[in-house]
């Protein structure tokens, strides 16, 4: 018969052995669930939410919470330390990076996670099929106001755009308008989904946004200059840069991400995450050579 003290020692050894053979899920540390908060780009919010859903199936010990609000909102949250990962559809500015360094005591770390072709939307009933960037600039600066000048009907062009905390707004302003202001007639909408819906319902409307929101509307082929060939947004033209408004999409963290965050980011940029990118309607990163 075993003495009580020896029984206790044997029980302890059994428990230790069981713990050593337990399978640890990705993201688990042995201390329960781990949370990752992600905030930022409205262009990326559907992509981020899909990544989160798929990753949590693969790593049930981790909770990933994703919200939008715009790239500027996400960057502000990263600076203030209220979010783990910022999603942004534009690069952070030097001023924003400096603010992260000052307030967080760590540099802003950038990871490219997907590609987008910033699409120019028109209504499906529109006869317009292509547009040059200089023509877009004239339209959104209010210098050209009739569809008649672009092969459409003799009717005023109705402008739809994003709010100024949007990374897409900032990208369009820089790469299309050359830093100049939007026309005062531009109707500002809070989110790419709302903008796409507005163009779907307005035969005279024009808008811009992520390629994943283009269902049910026409996406124009774009020319870099008046004399350049018109290029349709696609996986190939986004990856090789021939589509003039192709752009990377980003994750930002303050300093090196934690182990839990690193596993998530590695999954996002790996085969499974990039497959999800394609399913949502964006483009995967080019394969590493």
C-alpha atoms as a PDB file:
ATOM      1  CA  UNK A   1       0.000   0.000   0.000  1.00  0.00           C
ATOM      2  CA  UNK A   2       1.330   3.471  -0.944  1.00  0.00           C
ATOM      3  CA  UNK A   3       1.804   6.000   1.797  1.00  0.00           C
ATOM      4  CA  UNK A   4      -0.127   9.332   1.425  1.00  0.00           C
ATOM      5  CA  UNK A   5       3.062  11.329   0.782  1.00  0.00           C
ATOM      6  CA  UNK A   6       4.173   9.014  -2.020  1.00  0.00           C
ATOM      7  CA  UNK A   7       0.675   9.129  -3.623  1.00  0.00           C
ATOM      8  CA  UNK A   8       0.855  12.909  -3.722  1.00  0.00           C
ATOM      9  CA  UNK A   9       4.266  12.827  -5.414  1.00  0.00           C
ATOM     10  CA  UNK A  10       3.069  10.336  -8.040  1.00  0.00           C
ATOM     11  CA  UNK A  11      -0.027  12.426  -8.765  1.00  0.00           C
ATOM     12  CA  UNK A  12       2.144  15.491  -9.284  1.00  0.00           C
ATOM     13  CA  UNK A  13       4.352  13.605 -11.772  1.00  0.00           C
ATOM     14  CA  UNK A  14       1.287  12.464 -13.746  1.00  0.00           C
ATOM     15  CA  UNK A  15      -0.073  16.030 -13.950  1.00  0.00           C
ATOM     16  CA  UNK A  16       3.289  17.388 -15.111  1.00  0.00           C
ATOM     17  CA  UNK A  17       3.547  14.728 -17.823  1.00  0.00           C
ATOM     18  CA  UNK A  18       0.024  15.513 -19.055  1.00  0.00           C
ATOM     19  CA  UNK A  19       0.826  19.214 -19.242  1.00  0.00           C
ATOM     20  CA  UNK A  20       3.999  18.543 -21.244  1.00  0.00           C
ATOM     21  CA  UNK A  21       2.114  16.522 -23.877  1.00  0.00           C
ATOM     22  CA  UNK A  22      -0.793  18.973 -24.311  1.00  0.00           C
ATOM     23  CA  UNK A  23      -1.100  20.546 -27.804  1.00  0.00           C
ATOM     24  CA  UNK A  24      -0.760  24.335 -27.687  1.00  0.00           C
ATOM     25  CA  UNK A  25      -2.820  26.253 -30.266  1.00  0.00           C
ATOM     26  CA  UNK A  26      -1.268  29.139 -32.245  1.00  0.00           C
ATOM     27  CA  UNK A  27      -1.398  32.319 -30.194  1.00  0.00           C
ATOM     28  CA  UNK A  28      -1.781  30.505 -26.868  1.00  0.00           C
ATOM     29  CA  UNK A  29       0.726  31.079 -24.086  1.00  0.00           C
ATOM     30  CA  UNK A  30      -0.736  28.827 -21.431  1.00  0.00           C
ATOM     31  CA  UNK A  31      -2.376  31.804 -19.697  1.00  0.00           C
ATOM     32  CA  UNK A  32      -5.750  31.763 -21.460  1.00  0.00           C
ATOM     33  CA  UNK A  33      -7.041  33.718 -24.465  1.00  0.00           C
ATOM     34  CA  UNK A  34      -5.037  36.504 -26.056  1.00  0.00           C
ATOM     35  CA  UNK A  35      -6.689  39.573 -27.599  1.00  0.00           C
ATOM     36  CA  UNK A  36      -5.508  41.579 -30.618  1.00  0.00           C
ATOM     37  CA  UNK A  37      -7.269  44.842 -31.430  1.00  0.00           C
ATOM     38  CA  UNK A  38      -7.148  46.116 -35.019  1.00  0.00           C
ATOM     39  CA  UNK A  39      -8.496  49.495 -36.122  1.00  0.00           C
ATOM     40  CA  UNK A  40      -8.308  51.812 -39.115  1.00  0.00           C
ATOM     41  CA  UNK A  41      -8.989  51.805 -42.826  1.00  0.00           C
ATOM     42  CA  UNK A  42     -12.609  51.463 -43.925  1.00  0.00           C
ATOM     43  CA  UNK A  43     -11.270  50.182 -47.239  1.00  0.00           C
ATOM     44  CA  UNK A  44      -9.664  47.302 -45.334  1.00  0.00           C
ATOM     45  CA  UNK A  45     -12.321  46.655 -42.690  1.00  0.00           C
ATOM     46  CA  UNK A  46     -14.054  43.825 -44.584  1.00  0.00           C
ATOM     47  CA  UNK A  47     -10.666  42.279 -45.286  1.00  0.00           C
ATOM     48  CA  UNK A  48      -9.484  42.635 -41.693  1.00  0.00           C
ATOM     49  CA  UNK A  49     -12.697  41.120 -40.360  1.00  0.00           C
ATOM     50  CA  UNK A  50     -12.415  38.160 -42.718  1.00  0.00           C
ATOM     51  CA  UNK A  51      -8.770  37.639 -41.735  1.00  0.00           C
ATOM     52  CA  UNK A  52      -9.822  37.722 -38.086  1.00  0.00           C
ATOM     53  CA  UNK A  53     -12.609  35.176 -38.598  1.00  0.00           C
ATOM     54  CA  UNK A  54     -10.374  32.749 -40.461  1.00  0.00           C
ATOM     55  CA  UNK A  55      -7.443  33.145 -38.086  1.00  0.00           C
ATOM     56  CA  UNK A  56      -9.546  32.556 -34.979  1.00  0.00           C
ATOM     57  CA  UNK A  57     -10.659  29.237 -36.470  1.00  0.00           C
ATOM     58  CA  UNK A  58      -6.998  28.287 -36.823  1.00  0.00           C
ATOM     59  CA  UNK A  59      -5.992  29.792 -33.466  1.00  0.00           C
ATOM     60  CA  UNK A  60      -8.957  29.525 -31.067  1.00  0.00           C
ATOM     61  CA  UNK A  61      -6.834  30.744 -28.146  1.00  0.00           C
ATOM     62  CA  UNK A  62      -6.688  34.204 -29.780  1.00  0.00           C
ATOM     63  CA  UNK A  63      -9.403  36.837 -30.159  1.00  0.00           C
ATOM     64  CA  UNK A  64      -8.941  39.379 -32.980  1.00  0.00           C
ATOM     65  CA  UNK A  65     -11.267  42.406 -32.889  1.00  0.00           C
ATOM     66  CA  UNK A  66     -11.429  44.577 -36.028  1.00  0.00           C
ATOM     67  CA  UNK A  67     -13.108  47.977 -36.429  1.00  0.00           C
ATOM     68  CA  UNK A  68     -12.963  50.687 -39.085  1.00  0.00           C
ATOM     69  CA  UNK A  69     -13.208  54.445 -38.842  1.00  0.00           C
ATOM     70  CA  UNK A  70     -10.614  55.381 -41.444  1.00  0.00           C
ATOM     71  CA  UNK A  71      -6.830  55.143 -41.721  1.00  0.00           C
ATOM     72  CA  UNK A  72      -6.388  58.438 -39.877  1.00  0.00           C
ATOM     73  CA  UNK A  73      -8.496  57.180 -36.987  1.00  0.00           C
ATOM     74  CA  UNK A  74      -6.477  53.971 -36.787  1.00  0.00           C
ATOM     75  CA  UNK A  75      -3.193  55.850 -36.873  1.00  0.00           C
ATOM     76  CA  UNK A  76      -4.384  58.162 -34.076  1.00  0.00           C
ATOM     77  CA  UNK A  77      -5.337  55.103 -32.006  1.00  0.00           C
ATOM     78  CA  UNK A  78      -1.892  53.596 -32.591  1.00  0.00           C
ATOM     79  CA  UNK A  79      -0.228  56.833 -31.491  1.00  0.00           C
ATOM     80  CA  UNK A  80      -2.394  56.968 -28.356  1.00  0.00           C
ATOM     81  CA  UNK A  81      -1.819  53.310 -27.521  1.00  0.00           C
ATOM     82  CA  UNK A  82      -5.470  52.256 -27.710  1.00  0.00           C
ATOM     83  CA  UNK A  83      -5.010  49.691 -30.484  1.00  0.00           C
ATOM     84  CA  UNK A  84      -2.501  46.917 -31.201  1.00  0.00           C
ATOM     85  CA  UNK A  85      -2.509  47.039 -35.004  1.00  0.00           C
ATOM     86  CA  UNK A  86      -3.487  49.903 -37.287  1.00  0.00           C
ATOM     87  CA  UNK A  87      -4.848  49.085 -40.742  1.00  0.00           C
ATOM     88  CA  UNK A  88      -4.027  51.796 -43.281  1.00  0.00           C
ATOM     89  CA  UNK A  89      -4.676  52.203 -46.987  1.00  0.00           C
ATOM     90  CA  UNK A  90      -1.890  54.789 -47.209  1.00  0.00           C
ATOM     91  CA  UNK A  91       1.611  55.038 -45.771  1.00  0.00           C
ATOM     92  CA  UNK A  92       2.025  56.801 -42.447  1.00  0.00           C
ATOM     93  CA  UNK A  93       3.551  60.262 -42.745  1.00  0.00           C
ATOM     94  CA  UNK A  94       6.867  61.198 -41.144  1.00  0.00           C
ATOM     95  CA  UNK A  95       4.961  63.361 -38.658  1.00  0.00           C
ATOM     96  CA  UNK A  96       2.744  60.436 -37.652  1.00  0.00           C
ATOM     97  CA  UNK A  97       5.732  58.114 -37.308  1.00  0.00           C
ATOM     98  CA  UNK A  98       7.467  60.687 -35.111  1.00  0.00           C
ATOM     99  CA  UNK A  99       4.347  60.912 -32.941  1.00  0.00           C
ATOM    100  CA  UNK A 100       4.374  57.135 -32.449  1.00  0.00           C
ATOM    101  CA  UNK A 101       8.030  57.276 -31.410  1.00  0.00           C
ATOM    102  CA  UNK A 102       7.394  60.105 -28.928  1.00  0.00           C
ATOM    103  CA  UNK A 103       4.166  58.825 -27.349  1.00  0.00           C
ATOM    104  CA  UNK A 104       4.819  55.084 -27.467  1.00  0.00           C
ATOM    105  CA  UNK A 105       8.592  55.098 -27.081  1.00  0.00           C
ATOM    106  CA  UNK A 106       8.873  52.738 -30.053  1.00  0.00           C
ATOM    107  CA  UNK A 107       9.186  53.252 -33.815  1.00  0.00           C
ATOM    108  CA  UNK A 108       6.221  52.645 -36.104  1.00  0.00           C
ATOM    109  CA  UNK A 109       6.728  49.270 -37.784  1.00  0.00           C
ATOM    110  CA  UNK A 110       5.195  48.787 -41.254  1.00  0.00           C
ATOM    111  CA  UNK A 111       4.074  45.539 -42.885  1.00  0.00           C
ATOM    112  CA  UNK A 112       2.544  45.314 -46.351  1.00  0.00           C
ATOM    113  CA  UNK A 113      -0.351  42.863 -46.139  1.00  0.00           C
ATOM    114  CA  UNK A 114      -2.214  43.095 -49.473  1.00  0.00           C
ATOM    115  CA  UNK A 115      -2.596  45.069 -52.689  1.00  0.00           C
ATOM    116  CA  UNK A 116      -5.486  47.231 -53.869  1.00  0.00           C
ATOM    117  CA  UNK A 117      -6.292  48.849 -57.186  1.00  0.00           C
ATOM    118  CA  UNK A 118      -7.966  52.131 -56.244  1.00  0.00           C
ATOM    119  CA  UNK A 119     -10.997  51.879 -58.506  1.00  0.00           C
ATOM    120  CA  UNK A 120     -12.967  54.661 -60.187  1.00  0.00           C
ATOM    121  CA  UNK A 121     -16.653  53.825 -60.012  1.00  0.00           C
ATOM    122  CA  UNK A 122     -19.466  54.859 -62.332  1.00  0.00           C
ATOM    123  CA  UNK A 123     -23.028  53.579 -62.627  1.00  0.00           C
ATOM    124  CA  UNK A 124     -23.533  50.439 -64.716  1.00  0.00           C
ATOM    125  CA  UNK A 125     -25.762  52.435 -67.081  1.00  0.00           C
ATOM    126  CA  UNK A 126     -23.003  54.942 -67.840  1.00  0.00           C
ATOM    127  CA  UNK A 127     -21.565  54.792 -71.368  1.00  0.00           C
ATOM    128  CA  UNK A 128     -18.141  55.888 -70.071  1.00  0.00           C
ATOM    129  CA  UNK A 129     -15.561  53.112 -70.082  1.00  0.00           C
ATOM    130  CA  UNK A 130     -12.231  54.798 -69.385  1.00  0.00           C
ATOM    131  CA  UNK A 131     -10.715  57.957 -67.936  1.00  0.00           C
ATOM    132  CA  UNK A 132      -7.290  59.564 -67.664  1.00  0.00           C
ATOM    133  CA  UNK A 133      -5.863  60.738 -64.364  1.00  0.00           C
ATOM    134  CA  UNK A 134      -5.646  64.349 -65.670  1.00  0.00           C
ATOM    135  CA  UNK A 135      -9.347  64.148 -66.602  1.00  0.00           C
ATOM    136  CA  UNK A 136     -10.190  62.797 -63.130  1.00  0.00           C
ATOM    137  CA  UNK A 137      -8.300  65.693 -61.623  1.00  0.00           C
ATOM    138  CA  UNK A 138     -10.303  68.209 -63.650  1.00  0.00           C
ATOM    139  CA  UNK A 139     -13.559  66.537 -62.610  1.00  0.00           C
ATOM    140  CA  UNK A 140     -12.766  66.377 -58.890  1.00  0.00           C
ATOM    141  CA  UNK A 141     -11.353  69.902 -58.809  1.00  0.00           C
ATOM    142  CA  UNK A 142     -14.608  71.146 -60.324  1.00  0.00           C
ATOM    143  CA  UNK A 143     -13.015  72.294 -63.589  1.00  0.00           C
ATOM    144  CA  UNK A 144     -14.996  69.834 -65.751  1.00  0.00           C
ATOM    145  CA  UNK A 145     -18.630  69.440 -64.769  1.00  0.00           C
ATOM    146  CA  UNK A 146     -20.486  67.678 -67.616  1.00  0.00           C
ATOM    147  CA  UNK A 147     -20.394  64.058 -68.722  1.00  0.00           C
ATOM    148  CA  UNK A 148     -20.666  65.330 -72.282  1.00  0.00           C
ATOM    149  CA  UNK A 149     -16.929  66.154 -72.187  1.00  0.00           C
ATOM    150  CA  UNK A 150     -16.097  62.482 -71.549  1.00  0.00           C
ATOM    151  CA  UNK A 151     -18.388  60.648 -73.937  1.00  0.00           C
ATOM    152  CA  UNK A 152     -21.416  60.674 -71.658  1.00  0.00           C
ATOM    153  CA  UNK A 153     -24.764  62.497 -71.654  1.00  0.00           C
ATOM    154  CA  UNK A 154     -25.192  66.260 -71.443  1.00  0.00           C
ATOM    155  CA  UNK A 155     -25.680  66.191 -67.683  1.00  0.00           C
ATOM    156  CA  UNK A 156     -23.815  67.415 -64.638  1.00  0.00           C
ATOM    157  CA  UNK A 157     -21.340  64.987 -63.076  1.00  0.00           C
ATOM    158  CA  UNK A 158     -22.303  64.100 -59.496  1.00  0.00           C
ATOM    159  CA  UNK A 159     -19.179  63.758 -57.349  1.00  0.00           C
ATOM    160  CA  UNK A 160     -18.891  61.326 -54.446  1.00  0.00           C
ATOM    161  CA  UNK A 161     -15.852  61.183 -52.192  1.00  0.00           C
ATOM    162  CA  UNK A 162     -14.537  60.058 -48.821  1.00  0.00           C
ATOM    163  CA  UNK A 163     -14.143  61.971 -45.545  1.00  0.00           C
ATOM    164  CA  UNK A 164     -10.774  63.575 -44.851  1.00  0.00           C
ATOM    165  CA  UNK A 165      -9.658  61.043 -42.218  1.00  0.00           C
ATOM    166  CA  UNK A 166      -9.756  58.354 -44.901  1.00  0.00           C
ATOM    167  CA  UNK A 167      -6.518  56.967 -46.297  1.00  0.00           C
ATOM    168  CA  UNK A 168      -8.259  56.611 -49.654  1.00  0.00           C
ATOM    169  CA  UNK A 169      -9.149  60.323 -49.566  1.00  0.00           C
ATOM    170  CA  UNK A 170      -5.513  61.179 -48.853  1.00  0.00           C
ATOM    171  CA  UNK A 171      -4.226  58.815 -51.553  1.00  0.00           C
ATOM    172  CA  UNK A 172      -6.617  60.210 -54.171  1.00  0.00           C
ATOM    173  CA  UNK A 173      -5.786  63.793 -53.217  1.00  0.00           C
ATOM    174  CA  UNK A 174      -2.067  63.147 -53.578  1.00  0.00           C
ATOM    175  CA  UNK A 175      -2.005  60.880 -56.638  1.00  0.00           C
ATOM    176  CA  UNK A 176      -4.901  62.321 -58.646  1.00  0.00           C
ATOM    177  CA  UNK A 177      -5.367  65.926 -57.518  1.00  0.00           C
ATOM    178  CA  UNK A 178      -1.702  66.636 -56.975  1.00  0.00           C
ATOM    179  CA  UNK A 179      -2.397  67.828 -53.442  1.00  0.00           C
ATOM    180  CA  UNK A 180      -5.038  70.354 -54.486  1.00  0.00           C
ATOM    181  CA  UNK A 181      -8.483  70.557 -52.865  1.00  0.00           C
ATOM    182  CA  UNK A 182     -11.590  68.676 -53.907  1.00  0.00           C
ATOM    183  CA  UNK A 183     -14.437  70.619 -55.511  1.00  0.00           C
ATOM    184  CA  UNK A 184     -16.924  71.938 -52.978  1.00  0.00           C
ATOM    185  CA  UNK A 185     -19.670  70.009 -54.793  1.00  0.00           C
ATOM    186  CA  UNK A 186     -18.135  66.669 -53.757  1.00  0.00           C
ATOM    187  CA  UNK A 187     -20.547  64.741 -51.544  1.00  0.00           C
ATOM    188  CA  UNK A 188     -18.543  63.278 -48.676  1.00  0.00           C
ATOM    189  CA  UNK A 189     -19.528  59.815 -47.462  1.00  0.00           C
ATOM    190  CA  UNK A 190     -18.299  57.939 -44.398  1.00  0.00           C
ATOM    191  CA  UNK A 191     -17.096  54.658 -45.833  1.00  0.00           C
ATOM    192  CA  UNK A 192     -16.411  52.989 -49.154  1.00  0.00           C
ATOM    193  CA  UNK A 193     -19.552  50.879 -48.888  1.00  0.00           C
ATOM    194  CA  UNK A 194     -21.728  53.994 -48.642  1.00  0.00           C
ATOM    195  CA  UNK A 195     -19.904  55.592 -51.561  1.00  0.00           C
ATOM    196  CA  UNK A 196     -20.299  52.519 -53.770  1.00  0.00           C
ATOM    197  CA  UNK A 197     -24.005  52.329 -52.896  1.00  0.00           C
ATOM    198  CA  UNK A 198     -24.445  55.983 -53.855  1.00  0.00           C
ATOM    199  CA  UNK A 199     -22.908  55.399 -57.294  1.00  0.00           C
ATOM    200  CA  UNK A 200     -25.046  52.284 -57.805  1.00  0.00           C
ATOM    201  CA  UNK A 201     -28.118  54.444 -57.351  1.00  0.00           C
ATOM    202  CA  UNK A 202     -26.996  57.455 -59.406  1.00  0.00           C
ATOM    203  CA  UNK A 203     -26.627  57.126 -63.170  1.00  0.00           C
ATOM    204  CA  UNK A 204     -24.702  60.430 -63.224  1.00  0.00           C
ATOM    205  CA  UNK A 205     -22.445  59.661 -60.272  1.00  0.00           C
ATOM    206  CA  UNK A 206     -18.718  59.021 -60.031  1.00  0.00           C
ATOM    207  CA  UNK A 207     -16.728  57.822 -57.038  1.00  0.00           C
ATOM    208  CA  UNK A 208     -13.537  56.073 -55.977  1.00  0.00           C
ATOM    209  CA  UNK A 209     -12.581  53.321 -53.555  1.00  0.00           C
ATOM    210  CA  UNK A 210     -11.158  49.865 -53.000  1.00  0.00           C
ATOM    211  CA  UNK A 211     -11.524  47.298 -55.764  1.00  0.00           C
ATOM    212  CA  UNK A 212     -13.345  44.884 -53.428  1.00  0.00           C
ATOM    213  CA  UNK A 213     -16.391  47.181 -53.299  1.00  0.00           C
ATOM    214  CA  UNK A 214     -16.966  47.247 -57.060  1.00  0.00           C
ATOM    215  CA  UNK A 215     -19.774  44.695 -57.298  1.00  0.00           C
ATOM    216  CA  UNK A 216     -22.784  46.071 -59.158  1.00  0.00           C
ATOM    217  CA  UNK A 217     -20.993  49.139 -60.522  1.00  0.00           C
ATOM    218  CA  UNK A 218     -18.679  49.776 -63.450  1.00  0.00           C
ATOM    219  CA  UNK A 219     -14.963  50.167 -62.814  1.00  0.00           C
ATOM    220  CA  UNK A 220     -13.218  52.380 -65.359  1.00  0.00           C
ATOM    221  CA  UNK A 221      -9.987  51.579 -67.150  1.00  0.00           C
ATOM    222  CA  UNK A 222      -7.479  54.286 -66.210  1.00  0.00           C
ATOM    223  CA  UNK A 223      -4.820  56.069 -68.260  1.00  0.00           C
ATOM    224  CA  UNK A 224      -1.815  57.584 -66.499  1.00  0.00           C
ATOM    225  CA  UNK A 225      -1.774  60.417 -69.082  1.00  0.00           C
ATOM    226  CA  UNK A 226      -4.033  61.415 -71.956  1.00  0.00           C
ATOM    227  CA  UNK A 227      -1.777  59.556 -74.419  1.00  0.00           C
ATOM    228  CA  UNK A 228      -1.141  56.446 -72.311  1.00  0.00           C
ATOM    229  CA  UNK A 229      -2.995  53.161 -72.809  1.00  0.00           C
ATOM    230  CA  UNK A 230      -6.047  52.546 -70.640  1.00  0.00           C
ATOM    231  CA  UNK A 231      -5.376  49.845 -68.039  1.00  0.00           C
ATOM    232  CA  UNK A 232      -8.055  47.754 -66.341  1.00  0.00           C
ATOM    233  CA  UNK A 233      -7.474  47.000 -62.635  1.00  0.00           C
ATOM    234  CA  UNK A 234      -6.623  43.321 -62.124  1.00  0.00           C
ATOM    235  CA  UNK A 235      -4.332  41.041 -60.160  1.00  0.00           C
ATOM    236  CA  UNK A 236      -1.653  41.284 -62.827  1.00  0.00           C
ATOM    237  CA  UNK A 237      -1.810  45.057 -63.304  1.00  0.00           C
ATOM    238  CA  UNK A 238      -1.839  45.664 -59.551  1.00  0.00           C
ATOM    239  CA  UNK A 239       1.133  43.391 -58.933  1.00  0.00           C
ATOM    240  CA  UNK A 240       3.237  44.744 -61.800  1.00  0.00           C
ATOM    241  CA  UNK A 241       2.218  48.364 -61.123  1.00  0.00           C
ATOM    242  CA  UNK A 242       0.909  49.037 -64.630  1.00  0.00           C
ATOM    243  CA  UNK A 243      -2.478  50.067 -63.247  1.00  0.00           C
ATOM    244  CA  UNK A 244      -1.748  53.719 -62.371  1.00  0.00           C
ATOM    245  CA  UNK A 245      -3.674  53.704 -59.060  1.00  0.00           C
ATOM    246  CA  UNK A 246      -2.439  50.411 -57.598  1.00  0.00           C
ATOM    247  CA  UNK A 247      -1.328  50.646 -53.964  1.00  0.00           C
ATOM    248  CA  UNK A 248      -0.233  48.501 -51.032  1.00  0.00           C
ATOM    249  CA  UNK A 249      -2.362  48.052 -47.918  1.00  0.00           C
ATOM    250  CA  UNK A 250      -0.602  48.149 -44.556  1.00  0.00           C
ATOM    251  CA  UNK A 251      -0.474  46.980 -40.966  1.00  0.00           C
ATOM    252  CA  UNK A 252       1.322  49.253 -38.485  1.00  0.00           C
ATOM    253  CA  UNK A 253       2.429  48.452 -34.953  1.00  0.00           C
ATOM    254  CA  UNK A 254       4.321  50.455 -32.333  1.00  0.00           C
ATOM    255  CA  UNK A 255       7.654  48.688 -32.120  1.00  0.00           C
ATOM    256  CA  UNK A 256       8.104  44.995 -32.798  1.00  0.00           C
ATOM    257  CA  UNK A 257       4.778  43.165 -32.422  1.00  0.00           C
ATOM    258  CA  UNK A 258       4.247  40.746 -29.560  1.00  0.00           C
ATOM    259  CA  UNK A 259       4.543  37.012 -30.180  1.00  0.00           C
ATOM    260  CA  UNK A 260       0.749  36.701 -30.467  1.00  0.00           C
ATOM    261  CA  UNK A 261       0.584  39.590 -32.946  1.00  0.00           C
ATOM    262  CA  UNK A 262       3.582  38.267 -34.898  1.00  0.00           C
ATOM    263  CA  UNK A 263       1.841  34.914 -35.396  1.00  0.00           C
ATOM    264  CA  UNK A 264      -1.267  36.690 -36.677  1.00  0.00           C
ATOM    265  CA  UNK A 265       0.689  38.956 -39.055  1.00  0.00           C
ATOM    266  CA  UNK A 266       2.720  35.994 -40.321  1.00  0.00           C
ATOM    267  CA  UNK A 267      -0.529  34.124 -41.021  1.00  0.00           C
ATOM    268  CA  UNK A 268      -2.011  37.160 -42.834  1.00  0.00           C
ATOM    269  CA  UNK A 269       1.007  37.478 -45.142  1.00  0.00           C
ATOM    270  CA  UNK A 270       1.318  33.728 -45.608  1.00  0.00           C
ATOM    271  CA  UNK A 271      -0.558  31.402 -47.995  1.00  0.00           C
ATOM    272  CA  UNK A 272      -3.793  31.125 -45.981  1.00  0.00           C
ATOM    273  CA  UNK A 273      -4.110  34.848 -45.292  1.00  0.00           C
ATOM    274  CA  UNK A 274      -3.337  35.772 -48.886  1.00  0.00           C
ATOM    275  CA  UNK A 275      -5.907  33.252 -50.116  1.00  0.00           C
ATOM    276  CA  UNK A 276      -8.449  35.048 -47.930  1.00  0.00           C
ATOM    277  CA  UNK A 277      -7.317  38.362 -49.466  1.00  0.00           C
ATOM    278  CA  UNK A 278      -8.287  37.056 -52.893  1.00  0.00           C
ATOM    279  CA  UNK A 279     -11.642  35.724 -51.681  1.00  0.00           C
ATOM    280  CA  UNK A 280     -12.568  39.140 -50.284  1.00  0.00           C
ATOM    281  CA  UNK A 281     -11.765  40.814 -53.614  1.00  0.00           C
ATOM    282  CA  UNK A 282      -8.362  42.375 -53.042  1.00  0.00           C
ATOM    283  CA  UNK A 283      -5.068  41.185 -54.487  1.00  0.00           C
ATOM    284  CA  UNK A 284      -2.385  39.085 -52.777  1.00  0.00           C
ATOM    285  CA  UNK A 285       1.164  40.269 -52.401  1.00  0.00           C
ATOM    286  CA  UNK A 286       3.534  39.191 -55.195  1.00  0.00           C
ATOM    287  CA  UNK A 287       5.212  35.868 -54.524  1.00  0.00           C
ATOM    288  CA  UNK A 288       8.687  36.238 -53.066  1.00  0.00           C
ATOM    289  CA  UNK A 289      11.388  35.267 -55.529  1.00  0.00           C
END
